[in-house]
N, C-alpha and C. Protein backbone atom coordinates (compact mmCIF):
# COMPACT_ATOMS: atom_id res chain seq x y z
N UNK A 1 33.27 -32.99 18.96
CA UNK A 1 31.83 -33.08 18.78
C UNK A 1 31.48 -32.67 17.36
N UNK A 2 31.00 -33.59 16.52
CA UNK A 2 30.68 -33.26 15.13
C UNK A 2 29.45 -32.37 15.03
N UNK A 3 29.44 -31.55 14.02
CA UNK A 3 28.31 -30.65 13.78
C UNK A 3 27.92 -30.73 12.31
N UNK A 4 26.65 -30.56 12.04
CA UNK A 4 26.19 -30.63 10.66
C UNK A 4 25.81 -29.25 10.12
N UNK A 5 26.31 -28.22 10.76
CA UNK A 5 26.03 -26.86 10.30
C UNK A 5 26.92 -26.55 9.10
N UNK A 6 26.29 -26.17 8.01
CA UNK A 6 27.03 -25.78 6.83
C UNK A 6 26.58 -24.38 6.42
N UNK A 7 27.54 -23.50 6.24
CA UNK A 7 27.26 -22.12 5.86
C UNK A 7 27.71 -21.90 4.42
N UNK A 8 26.89 -21.15 3.69
CA UNK A 8 27.24 -20.83 2.30
C UNK A 8 27.00 -19.34 2.06
N UNK A 9 27.64 -18.83 1.04
CA UNK A 9 27.46 -17.42 0.68
C UNK A 9 26.19 -17.26 -0.16
N UNK A 10 25.79 -16.03 -0.35
CA UNK A 10 24.62 -15.77 -1.19
C UNK A 10 24.88 -16.23 -2.62
N UNK A 11 26.08 -16.00 -3.12
CA UNK A 11 26.43 -16.46 -4.47
C UNK A 11 26.30 -17.98 -4.59
N UNK A 12 26.72 -18.70 -3.56
CA UNK A 12 26.59 -20.16 -3.59
C UNK A 12 25.13 -20.58 -3.59
N UNK A 13 24.27 -19.82 -2.93
CA UNK A 13 22.83 -20.09 -2.95
C UNK A 13 22.30 -20.01 -4.38
N UNK A 14 22.73 -18.98 -5.10
CA UNK A 14 22.24 -18.80 -6.47
C UNK A 14 22.74 -19.90 -7.39
N UNK A 15 23.84 -20.53 -7.06
CA UNK A 15 24.35 -21.63 -7.87
C UNK A 15 23.59 -22.93 -7.59
N UNK A 16 23.02 -23.06 -6.41
CA UNK A 16 22.26 -24.26 -6.06
C UNK A 16 20.91 -24.32 -6.77
N UNK A 17 20.32 -23.15 -7.02
CA UNK A 17 19.01 -23.09 -7.67
C UNK A 17 19.13 -22.19 -8.89
N UNK A 18 19.21 -22.77 -10.07
CA UNK A 18 19.36 -21.97 -11.30
C UNK A 18 18.21 -20.97 -11.46
N UNK A 19 18.57 -19.77 -11.84
CA UNK A 19 17.58 -18.72 -12.06
C UNK A 19 17.31 -17.86 -10.84
N UNK A 20 17.80 -18.27 -9.69
CA UNK A 20 17.60 -17.50 -8.47
C UNK A 20 18.64 -16.38 -8.41
N UNK A 21 18.20 -15.17 -8.19
CA UNK A 21 19.13 -14.04 -8.21
C UNK A 21 19.69 -13.74 -6.83
N UNK A 22 20.80 -13.05 -6.82
CA UNK A 22 21.45 -12.58 -5.60
C UNK A 22 20.47 -11.74 -4.78
N UNK A 23 19.75 -10.86 -5.46
CA UNK A 23 18.84 -9.94 -4.77
C UNK A 23 17.63 -10.67 -4.19
N UNK A 24 17.20 -11.75 -4.83
CA UNK A 24 16.10 -12.54 -4.28
C UNK A 24 16.53 -13.21 -2.98
N UNK A 25 17.74 -13.75 -2.95
CA UNK A 25 18.25 -14.38 -1.73
C UNK A 25 18.35 -13.34 -0.62
N UNK A 26 18.86 -12.16 -0.95
CA UNK A 26 18.94 -11.08 0.05
C UNK A 26 17.56 -10.74 0.60
N UNK A 27 16.58 -10.69 -0.28
CA UNK A 27 15.21 -10.39 0.13
C UNK A 27 14.66 -11.47 1.07
N UNK A 28 14.92 -12.73 0.76
CA UNK A 28 14.47 -13.83 1.61
C UNK A 28 15.09 -13.72 3.00
N UNK A 29 16.35 -13.32 3.06
CA UNK A 29 17.03 -13.13 4.34
C UNK A 29 16.40 -11.98 5.11
N UNK A 30 16.19 -10.86 4.44
CA UNK A 30 15.62 -9.67 5.10
C UNK A 30 14.22 -9.94 5.64
N UNK A 31 13.44 -10.77 4.94
CA UNK A 31 12.08 -11.10 5.38
C UNK A 31 12.07 -12.21 6.43
N UNK A 32 13.22 -12.79 6.72
CA UNK A 32 13.28 -13.84 7.71
C UNK A 32 12.84 -15.20 7.20
N UNK A 33 12.76 -15.35 5.89
CA UNK A 33 12.35 -16.63 5.30
C UNK A 33 13.44 -17.68 5.41
N UNK A 34 14.70 -17.25 5.36
CA UNK A 34 15.83 -18.16 5.53
C UNK A 34 16.77 -17.55 6.57
N UNK A 35 17.50 -18.41 7.26
CA UNK A 35 18.38 -17.95 8.33
C UNK A 35 19.77 -17.64 7.79
N UNK A 36 20.30 -16.51 8.24
CA UNK A 36 21.64 -16.08 7.83
C UNK A 36 22.16 -15.11 8.87
N UNK A 37 23.44 -14.80 8.77
CA UNK A 37 24.02 -13.79 9.65
C UNK A 37 25.16 -13.09 8.94
N UNK A 38 25.48 -11.91 9.42
CA UNK A 38 26.55 -11.10 8.84
C UNK A 38 27.80 -11.24 9.69
N UNK A 39 28.92 -11.44 9.01
CA UNK A 39 30.21 -11.45 9.68
C UNK A 39 30.91 -10.15 9.34
N UNK A 40 31.53 -9.52 10.28
CA UNK A 40 32.25 -8.28 10.02
C UNK A 40 31.30 -7.12 9.77
N UNK A 41 31.90 -6.01 9.31
CA UNK A 41 31.13 -4.79 9.04
C UNK A 41 31.44 -4.25 7.66
N UNK A 42 30.47 -3.59 7.09
CA UNK A 42 30.66 -2.91 5.81
C UNK A 42 31.23 -3.82 4.73
N UNK A 43 32.16 -3.29 3.95
CA UNK A 43 32.74 -4.04 2.84
C UNK A 43 33.53 -5.26 3.30
N UNK A 44 34.00 -5.23 4.54
CA UNK A 44 34.74 -6.37 5.06
C UNK A 44 33.82 -7.48 5.54
N UNK A 45 32.54 -7.19 5.65
CA UNK A 45 31.58 -8.18 6.14
C UNK A 45 31.10 -9.08 5.03
N UNK A 46 30.51 -10.17 5.43
CA UNK A 46 29.98 -11.14 4.49
C UNK A 46 28.72 -11.73 5.10
N UNK A 47 27.72 -11.99 4.28
CA UNK A 47 26.51 -12.64 4.75
C UNK A 47 26.64 -14.13 4.49
N UNK A 48 26.47 -14.92 5.54
CA UNK A 48 26.52 -16.36 5.42
C UNK A 48 25.15 -16.94 5.72
N UNK A 49 24.74 -17.87 4.88
CA UNK A 49 23.41 -18.47 4.95
C UNK A 49 23.55 -19.89 5.48
N UNK A 50 22.63 -20.27 6.36
CA UNK A 50 22.57 -21.65 6.81
C UNK A 50 21.99 -22.48 5.66
N UNK A 51 22.82 -23.36 5.11
CA UNK A 51 22.42 -24.12 3.92
C UNK A 51 21.14 -24.92 4.18
N UNK A 52 21.02 -25.52 5.35
CA UNK A 52 19.82 -26.31 5.66
C UNK A 52 18.56 -25.45 5.60
N UNK A 53 18.62 -24.25 6.17
CA UNK A 53 17.48 -23.33 6.16
C UNK A 53 17.10 -22.95 4.73
N UNK A 54 18.12 -22.68 3.93
CA UNK A 54 17.91 -22.29 2.54
C UNK A 54 17.22 -23.42 1.75
N UNK A 55 17.76 -24.62 1.85
CA UNK A 55 17.19 -25.74 1.10
C UNK A 55 15.80 -26.12 1.60
N UNK A 56 15.59 -26.08 2.91
CA UNK A 56 14.28 -26.41 3.47
C UNK A 56 13.20 -25.45 2.99
N UNK A 57 13.56 -24.18 2.82
CA UNK A 57 12.59 -23.20 2.33
C UNK A 57 12.00 -23.65 1.00
N UNK A 58 12.85 -24.12 0.10
CA UNK A 58 12.37 -24.52 -1.22
C UNK A 58 11.79 -25.93 -1.21
N UNK A 59 12.30 -26.81 -0.36
CA UNK A 59 11.75 -28.16 -0.26
C UNK A 59 10.32 -28.13 0.27
N UNK A 60 10.01 -27.16 1.12
CA UNK A 60 8.66 -27.03 1.68
C UNK A 60 7.74 -26.23 0.77
N UNK A 61 8.19 -25.97 -0.44
CA UNK A 61 7.36 -25.25 -1.40
C UNK A 61 7.38 -23.75 -1.21
N UNK A 62 8.45 -23.23 -0.66
CA UNK A 62 8.58 -21.79 -0.46
C UNK A 62 8.33 -21.04 -1.75
N UNK A 63 7.51 -20.05 -1.66
CA UNK A 63 7.19 -19.25 -2.84
C UNK A 63 7.77 -17.87 -2.70
N UNK A 64 8.23 -17.36 -3.80
CA UNK A 64 8.79 -16.02 -3.85
C UNK A 64 7.79 -15.13 -4.57
N UNK A 65 7.29 -14.07 -3.92
CA UNK A 65 6.32 -13.21 -4.58
C UNK A 65 6.90 -12.55 -5.82
N UNK A 66 6.09 -12.51 -6.85
CA UNK A 66 6.50 -11.87 -8.10
C UNK A 66 5.76 -10.55 -8.21
N UNK A 67 6.50 -9.48 -8.43
CA UNK A 67 5.86 -8.17 -8.62
C UNK A 67 5.22 -8.15 -10.00
N UNK A 68 3.93 -8.07 -10.00
CA UNK A 68 3.21 -8.05 -11.28
C UNK A 68 2.79 -6.62 -11.56
N UNK A 69 3.14 -6.16 -12.73
CA UNK A 69 2.77 -4.81 -13.12
C UNK A 69 1.56 -4.85 -14.03
N UNK A 70 0.74 -3.87 -13.90
CA UNK A 70 -0.44 -3.78 -14.75
C UNK A 70 -0.02 -3.47 -16.17
N UNK A 71 -0.67 -4.11 -17.12
CA UNK A 71 -0.35 -3.88 -18.53
C UNK A 71 -1.43 -3.06 -19.22
N UNK A 72 -2.15 -2.26 -18.44
CA UNK A 72 -3.23 -1.45 -19.04
C UNK A 72 -2.70 -0.16 -19.57
């Protein structure tokens, strides 16, 4: 039975969209904006992102909040 599920690492996410940082992808995952899951525990674990979820977030105009600091 064929499946179209493709999983990618956070680093691979940052390579798909230039300028996107590792920490921004982690934040999107933590906020539930993109789907991902952790394999293993601690240093042996890895976070894998559903590529379709990641790309759909940006195709639908997903916006990433920018922390703006006051310049006064």
